[in-house]
C-alpha atoms as a PDB file:
ATOM      1  CA  MET A   1       2.749  -6.537  -9.788  1.00  0.00           C
ATOM      2  CA  ILE A   2       1.077  -5.406  -6.078  1.00  0.00           C
ATOM      3  CA  CYS A   3      -0.598  -1.380  -5.832  1.00  0.00           C
ATOM      4  CA  ARG A   4      -1.640  -0.146  -3.109  1.00  0.00           C
ATOM      5  CA  TYR A   5      -2.935   3.355  -2.362  1.00  0.00           C
ATOM      6  CA  PHE A   6      -3.215   5.840   0.098  1.00  0.00           C
ATOM      7  CA  LYS A   7      -4.946   9.263   0.852  1.00  0.00           C
ATOM      8  CA  VAL A   8      -1.981  11.409   1.890  1.00  0.00           C
ATOM      9  CA  ALA A   9      -1.341  15.156   2.599  1.00  0.00           C
ATOM     10  CA  HIS A  10       0.097  16.951   0.058  1.00  0.00           C
ATOM     11  CA  ARG A  11       3.097  17.979   2.366  1.00  0.00           C
ATOM     12  CA  ASP A  12       4.283  14.791   2.529  1.00  0.00           C
ATOM     13  CA  MET A  13       4.198  13.410  -1.114  1.00  0.00           C
ATOM     14  CA  VAL A  14       7.631  15.014  -1.389  1.00  0.00           C
ATOM     15  CA  TYR A  15       9.048  13.044   1.737  1.00  0.00           C
ATOM     16  CA  LEU A  16       7.230  10.011   0.807  1.00  0.00           C
ATOM     17  CA  LYS A  17       8.155  10.063  -2.395  1.00  0.00           C
ATOM     18  CA  PHE A  18      11.714  11.138  -1.943  1.00  0.00           C
ATOM     19  CA  ILE A  19      11.842   7.744   0.035  1.00  0.00           C
ATOM     20  CA  LEU A  20      10.528   5.667  -1.818  1.00  0.00           C
ATOM     21  CA  GLU A  21      12.630   6.544  -4.610  1.00  0.00           C
ATOM     22  CA  ALA A  22      15.974   5.095  -2.865  1.00  0.00           C
ATOM     23  CA  TYR A  23      14.162   1.575  -3.249  1.00  0.00           C
ATOM     24  CA  GLU A  24      14.964   1.295  -7.109  1.00  0.00           C
ATOM     25  CA  GLY A  25      13.394  -1.803  -8.137  1.00  0.00           C
ATOM     26  CA  MET A  26      11.745  -2.415  -5.750  1.00  0.00           C
ATOM     27  CA  ASN A  27       7.832  -0.040  -5.863  1.00  0.00           C
ATOM     28  CA  VAL A  28       7.049   3.012  -7.455  1.00  0.00           C
ATOM     29  CA  MET A  29       4.801   5.737  -6.226  1.00  0.00           C
ATOM     30  CA  SER A  30       3.188   7.848  -8.722  1.00  0.00           C
ATOM     31  CA  THR A  31      -0.091  10.429  -7.700  1.00  0.00           C
ATOM     32  CA  VAL A  32      -3.470   9.508  -8.759  1.00  0.00           C
ATOM     33  CA  ASP A  33      -5.811  11.986  -7.787  1.00  0.00           C
ATOM     34  CA  ASN A  34      -3.280  15.340  -6.895  1.00  0.00           C
ATOM     35  CA  LYS A  35      -6.755  17.473  -5.695  1.00  0.00           C
ATOM     36  CA  ALA A  36      -7.179  14.598  -3.311  1.00  0.00           C
ATOM     37  CA  GLY A  37      -4.046  13.308  -2.437  1.00  0.00           C
ATOM     38  CA  ILE A  38      -4.917   9.919  -3.263  1.00  0.00           C
ATOM     39  CA  ILE A  39      -1.181   7.795  -4.385  1.00  0.00           C
ATOM     40  CA  ARG A  40      -0.289   4.202  -5.848  1.00  0.00           C
ATOM     41  CA  ILE A  41       2.047   2.742  -5.094  1.00  0.00           C
ATOM     42  CA  ALA A  42       3.314   0.043  -7.609  1.00  0.00           C
ATOM     43  CA  ILE A  43       4.678  -3.035  -5.752  1.00  0.00           C
ATOM     44  CA  MET A  44       7.052  -4.771  -8.158  1.00  0.00           C
ATOM     45  CA  PRO A  45       7.124  -8.715  -7.345  1.00  0.00           C
ATOM     46  CA  GLY A  46       8.939 -10.186  -5.315  1.00  0.00           C
ATOM     47  CA  PHE A  47       9.547  -6.830  -2.778  1.00  0.00           C
ATOM     48  CA  VAL A  48       5.673  -6.833  -1.589  1.00  0.00           C
ATOM     49  CA  GLU A  49       6.614  -8.624   1.687  1.00  0.00           C
ATOM     50  CA  ASP A  50       9.826  -5.733   2.166  1.00  0.00           C
ATOM     51  CA  MET A  51       7.434  -3.380   1.177  1.00  0.00           C
ATOM     52  CA  ASP A  52       5.310  -4.090   3.712  1.00  0.00           C
ATOM     53  CA  ALA A  53       6.840  -3.215   6.424  1.00  0.00           C
ATOM     54  CA  LEU A  54       8.942  -0.526   5.428  1.00  0.00           C
ATOM     55  CA  LEU A  55       4.800   1.023   4.443  1.00  0.00           C
ATOM     56  CA  ALA A  56       4.051   0.560   7.956  1.00  0.00           C
ATOM     57  CA  GLU A  57       7.133   2.457   9.540  1.00  0.00           C
ATOM     58  CA  LEU A  58       6.768   5.215   7.336  1.00  0.00           C
ATOM     59  CA  GLY A  59       2.929   5.358   8.361  1.00  0.00           C
ATOM     60  CA  ARG A  60       4.259   6.037  11.732  1.00  0.00           C
ATOM     61  CA  GLN A  61       6.189   8.952  10.575  1.00  0.00           C
ATOM     62  CA  VAL A  62       3.204  10.691   8.375  1.00  0.00           C
ATOM     63  CA  VAL A  63      -0.492   9.503   8.101  1.00  0.00           C
ATOM     64  CA  MET A  64      -0.795   7.293   5.442  1.00  0.00           C
ATOM     65  CA  GLU A  65      -4.515   6.409   4.938  1.00  0.00           C
ATOM     66  CA  PRO A  66      -5.110   3.140   3.442  1.00  0.00           C
ATOM     67  CA  VAL A  67      -8.125   3.858   0.353  1.00  0.00           C
ATOM     68  CA  ASP A  68      -9.509   1.415  -2.474  1.00  0.00           C
ATOM     69  CA  TRP A  69      -8.954   2.880  -5.589  1.00  0.00           C
ATOM     70  CA  LYS A  70      -9.800   1.629  -8.967  1.00  0.00           C
ATOM     71  CA  ASP A  71      -7.982   2.488 -12.304  1.00  0.00           C
ATOM     72  CA  ALA A  72      -6.076   1.890 -14.920  1.00  0.00           C
ATOM     73  CA  LEU A  73      -2.731  -0.057 -14.469  1.00  0.00           C
ATOM     74  CA  PRO A  74      -3.105  -3.819 -15.752  1.00  0.00           C
ATOM     75  CA  SER A  75      -2.454  -5.778 -13.569  1.00  0.00           C
ATOM     76  CA  PHE A  76       1.189  -8.553 -14.470  1.00  0.00           C
END
């Protein structure tokens, strides 16, 4: 699993969650720091290119600032 971390406005979290849930099986979005607005998008193997293209398009619609984040999510 590949994880991407972004800082987003709170008002955009629900929108992103709604869009990303439509791509069921390709990713899982979760909030890792609600106060700071940090989300994690865990991308399933085989879907990295597709999800990177989707994230680039979503980045044109909402501000998604990539951030470095270390947490306890194991690598698979």
